[in-house]
Amino acid sequence: MIAAALAAAPLALTARRALAATAAESFVAANIQRGLDILNDASLSAADRRTRFAAFLMGLTDIRRVALFLLGKYAAGASAEQVNAFVDAFRDYSLAVYQSYFAQYAGQSLKVTGSRERAPGDDVVATTVSGAAASGNATEVDFRIRSDGPKPVLVDISVAGVWLALAQRDEFAAVLARSHGDIAALIQHLRAAEAQYR
């Protein structure tokens, strides 16, 4: 009986992982397509599209969690006021960046092709985005989903193998290094970058 239980344990673990991955895949399939639908809605004005996409994105991501990750070691020495100001600036910057990213796929549709578990509650969901605007070439887009909190959240996106949050972390670290850890300088950098995406 013990041998049978031990033999079944890996199967049970695999099943639990499959269920978790399926949940992450379902989350991406439903929510990312909803974002594309907002951008594809020709009945919306540009301003309405931005407003609806902002509401959509804020419900999909944990901006504060990502912002603190991007601050890295500099978060520990920052005041609560500095951190909050950075989170606000990063939120506005992220909205501009993600809308720009998603707008590239307006008129296209998303297909989930699989997923892999990085750690419990941390999955990468692989997708392809294709459609008329893609000229027949599907683009590989991966989404990192964390489900170790009260609800699943999107924490990073990868296009053609380049992870956005990791690239941003390197960029932000360089700005902070040049400014001797001045978070106000990073906020100014974000505001300037945001304006370029608008």
Protein backbone atom coordinates (compact mmCIF):
# COMPACT_ATOMS: atom_id res chain seq x y z
CA MET A 1 0.00 0.00 0.00
CA ILE A 2 2.84 2.38 0.89
CA ALA A 3 4.62 1.51 -2.35
CA ALA A 4 1.42 2.22 -4.29
CA ALA A 5 1.01 5.58 -2.55
CA LEU A 6 4.63 6.52 -3.31
CA ALA A 7 4.19 5.49 -6.92
CA ALA A 8 1.05 7.62 -7.20
CA ALA A 9 2.61 10.71 -5.59
CA PRO A 10 4.45 11.94 -8.71
CA LEU A 11 1.24 11.51 -10.74
CA ALA A 12 -0.71 13.55 -8.21
CA LEU A 13 1.95 16.26 -8.25
CA THR A 14 1.89 16.31 -12.05
CA ALA A 15 -1.89 16.59 -11.99
CA ARG A 16 -1.76 19.51 -9.55
CA ARG A 17 0.80 21.25 -11.74
CA ALA A 18 -1.34 20.66 -14.82
CA LEU A 19 -4.34 22.18 -13.07
CA ALA A 20 -2.32 25.22 -12.00
CA ALA A 21 -0.93 25.68 -15.49
CA THR A 22 -4.40 25.32 -16.98
CA ALA A 23 -5.68 28.03 -14.63
CA ALA A 24 -2.84 30.34 -15.71
CA GLU A 25 -3.51 29.55 -19.36
CA SER A 26 -7.22 30.27 -18.92
CA PHE A 27 -6.42 33.54 -17.18
CA VAL A 28 -4.22 34.66 -20.08
CA ALA A 29 -6.62 33.47 -22.79
CA ALA A 30 -9.56 35.33 -21.28
CA ASN A 31 -7.88 38.51 -20.12
CA ILE A 32 -5.29 39.26 -22.79
CA GLN A 33 -7.85 38.74 -25.52
CA ARG A 34 -10.09 41.18 -23.65
CA GLY A 35 -7.33 43.77 -23.86
CA LEU A 36 -6.96 43.18 -27.59
CA ASP A 37 -10.73 43.50 -27.97
CA ILE A 38 -10.62 46.93 -26.33
CA LEU A 39 -7.93 48.05 -28.76
CA ASN A 40 -9.86 46.53 -31.68
CA ASP A 41 -13.12 48.33 -30.78
CA ALA A 42 -13.52 50.86 -33.59
CA SER A 43 -16.57 52.35 -31.88
CA LEU A 44 -14.35 53.85 -29.14
CA SER A 45 -12.59 57.17 -29.41
CA ALA A 46 -8.86 57.21 -28.75
CA ALA A 47 -9.48 58.77 -25.33
CA ASP A 48 -12.13 56.16 -24.41
CA ARG A 49 -9.85 53.39 -25.59
CA ARG A 50 -7.04 54.65 -23.33
CA THR A 51 -9.41 54.94 -20.37
CA ARG A 52 -10.85 51.45 -20.80
CA PHE A 53 -7.45 49.91 -21.42
CA ALA A 54 -6.10 51.58 -18.27
CA ALA A 55 -8.95 50.12 -16.20
CA PHE A 56 -8.38 46.72 -17.81
CA LEU A 57 -4.64 46.76 -17.11
CA MET A 58 -4.96 47.95 -13.52
CA GLY A 59 -7.28 45.01 -12.84
CA LEU A 60 -4.81 42.58 -14.41
CA THR A 61 -1.51 43.56 -12.82
CA ASP A 62 -0.01 44.26 -9.40
CA ILE A 63 1.75 47.51 -10.26
CA ARG A 64 3.17 48.06 -6.77
CA ARG A 65 4.70 44.58 -6.66
CA VAL A 66 6.37 45.06 -10.03
CA ALA A 67 7.52 48.59 -9.14
CA LEU A 68 9.22 47.39 -5.95
CA PHE A 69 10.91 44.59 -7.88
CA LEU A 70 12.23 47.13 -10.35
CA LEU A 71 13.58 49.41 -7.61
CA GLY A 72 15.58 46.46 -6.32
CA LYS A 73 18.07 47.32 -3.57
CA TYR A 74 17.15 51.00 -3.76
CA ALA A 75 13.69 50.32 -2.32
CA ALA A 76 15.16 49.45 1.09
CA GLY A 77 16.74 52.86 1.58
CA ALA A 78 13.82 54.90 0.23
CA SER A 79 11.18 56.62 2.32
CA ALA A 80 7.53 55.62 2.02
CA GLU A 81 6.87 58.94 0.27
CA GLN A 82 9.59 58.27 -2.30
CA VAL A 83 8.35 54.74 -2.93
CA ASN A 84 4.75 55.91 -3.37
CA ALA A 85 5.85 58.65 -5.78
CA PHE A 86 7.82 56.09 -7.78
CA VAL A 87 4.89 53.65 -7.84
CA ASP A 88 2.61 56.43 -9.17
CA ALA A 89 5.11 57.39 -11.87
CA PHE A 90 5.69 53.73 -12.78
CA ARG A 91 1.93 53.13 -13.03
CA ASP A 92 1.53 55.96 -15.55
CA TYR A 93 4.61 54.84 -17.45
CA SER A 94 3.41 51.22 -17.52
CA LEU A 95 0.02 52.19 -18.87
CA ALA A 96 1.70 54.03 -21.74
CA VAL A 97 4.16 51.20 -22.42
CA TYR A 98 1.63 48.36 -22.27
CA GLN A 99 -0.86 50.23 -24.42
CA SER A 100 1.89 50.78 -26.97
CA TYR A 101 2.83 47.07 -26.82
CA PHE A 102 -0.73 45.86 -27.12
CA ALA A 103 -1.56 48.37 -29.86
CA GLN A 104 0.96 46.59 -32.09
CA TYR A 105 -1.40 43.61 -32.04
CA ALA A 106 -4.66 45.47 -32.67
CA GLY A 107 -6.72 43.55 -35.22
CA GLN A 108 -5.09 40.28 -34.22
CA SER A 109 -6.04 37.36 -32.01
CA LEU A 110 -4.24 35.42 -29.32
CA LYS A 111 -3.80 31.66 -29.04
CA VAL A 112 -2.40 29.96 -25.92
CA THR A 113 0.10 27.28 -26.95
CA GLY A 114 1.20 25.97 -23.54
CA SER A 115 2.73 26.89 -20.22
CA ARG A 116 5.48 25.97 -17.80
CA GLU A 117 5.72 26.29 -14.05
CA ARG A 118 8.69 28.32 -12.78
CA ALA A 119 7.71 27.69 -9.16
CA PRO A 120 4.46 27.02 -7.29
CA GLY A 121 2.11 29.87 -8.14
CA ASP A 122 4.47 31.22 -10.81
CA ASP A 123 3.76 30.22 -14.43
CA VAL A 124 4.87 31.34 -17.86
CA VAL A 125 2.11 31.05 -20.44
CA ALA A 126 3.22 30.84 -24.06
CA THR A 127 1.02 32.33 -26.77
CA THR A 128 1.10 33.32 -30.39
CA VAL A 129 -0.56 36.46 -31.69
CA SER A 130 -1.62 36.48 -35.30
CA GLY A 131 -4.09 38.06 -37.69
CA ALA A 132 -4.41 40.29 -40.69
CA ALA A 133 -1.89 42.83 -39.41
CA ALA A 134 0.68 40.08 -38.89
CA SER A 135 0.90 39.28 -42.64
CA GLY A 136 0.67 35.59 -41.83
CA ASN A 137 3.55 35.61 -39.33
CA ALA A 138 2.59 34.73 -35.77
CA THR A 139 4.46 36.53 -32.99
CA GLU A 140 5.49 34.61 -29.88
CA VAL A 141 4.41 36.44 -26.73
CA ASP A 142 4.85 34.95 -23.24
CA PHE A 143 3.09 36.11 -20.09
CA ARG A 144 4.37 35.52 -16.56
CA ILE A 145 1.46 34.96 -14.19
CA ARG A 146 1.69 34.88 -10.39
CA SER A 147 -1.15 33.13 -8.60
CA ASP A 148 0.31 33.05 -5.09
CA GLY A 149 -1.85 35.97 -3.92
CA PRO A 150 -5.58 36.61 -3.61
CA LYS A 151 -5.98 36.56 -7.41
CA PRO A 152 -3.80 35.80 -10.45
CA VAL A 153 -1.81 38.79 -11.72
CA LEU A 154 0.32 39.53 -14.76
CA VAL A 155 3.85 40.45 -13.67
CA ASP A 156 5.83 40.40 -16.92
CA ILE A 157 5.53 40.04 -20.68
CA SER A 158 8.06 38.70 -23.17
CA VAL A 159 8.06 39.44 -26.88
CA ALA A 160 10.41 37.33 -29.00
CA GLY A 161 12.26 36.21 -25.88
CA VAL A 162 12.84 39.66 -24.35
CA TRP A 163 11.23 40.12 -20.92
CA LEU A 164 9.94 43.65 -20.39
CA ALA A 165 10.35 43.84 -16.58
CA LEU A 166 13.90 42.47 -16.71
CA ALA A 167 14.84 44.99 -19.41
CA GLN A 168 13.24 47.76 -17.36
CA ARG A 169 15.09 46.69 -14.22
CA ASP A 170 18.43 47.01 -16.02
CA GLU A 171 17.41 50.39 -17.47
CA PHE A 172 16.21 51.73 -14.11
CA ALA A 173 19.29 50.42 -12.30
CA ALA A 174 21.49 52.30 -14.78
CA VAL A 175 19.55 55.53 -14.18
CA LEU A 176 19.83 55.10 -10.41
CA ALA A 177 23.54 54.30 -10.62
CA ARG A 178 24.20 57.45 -12.64
CA SER A 179 22.20 59.56 -10.18
CA HIS A 180 23.73 57.97 -7.07
CA GLY A 181 20.45 56.31 -6.09
CA ASP A 182 18.29 59.43 -6.54
CA ILE A 183 14.75 58.10 -6.95
CA ALA A 184 13.54 61.58 -7.99
CA ALA A 185 15.85 61.32 -11.01
CA LEU A 186 14.33 57.96 -11.91
CA ILE A 187 10.82 59.41 -11.58
CA GLN A 188 11.81 62.24 -13.92
CA HIS A 189 13.19 59.64 -16.36
CA LEU A 190 9.88 57.73 -16.24
CA ARG A 191 7.82 60.87 -16.85
CA ALA A 192 9.96 61.73 -19.88
CA ALA A 193 9.75 58.17 -21.24
CA GLU A 194 5.98 58.09 -20.68
CA ALA A 195 5.57 61.25 -22.77
CA GLN A 196 7.35 59.55 -25.69
CA TYR A 197 4.84 56.67 -25.66
CA ARG A 198 1.77 58.95 -25.62
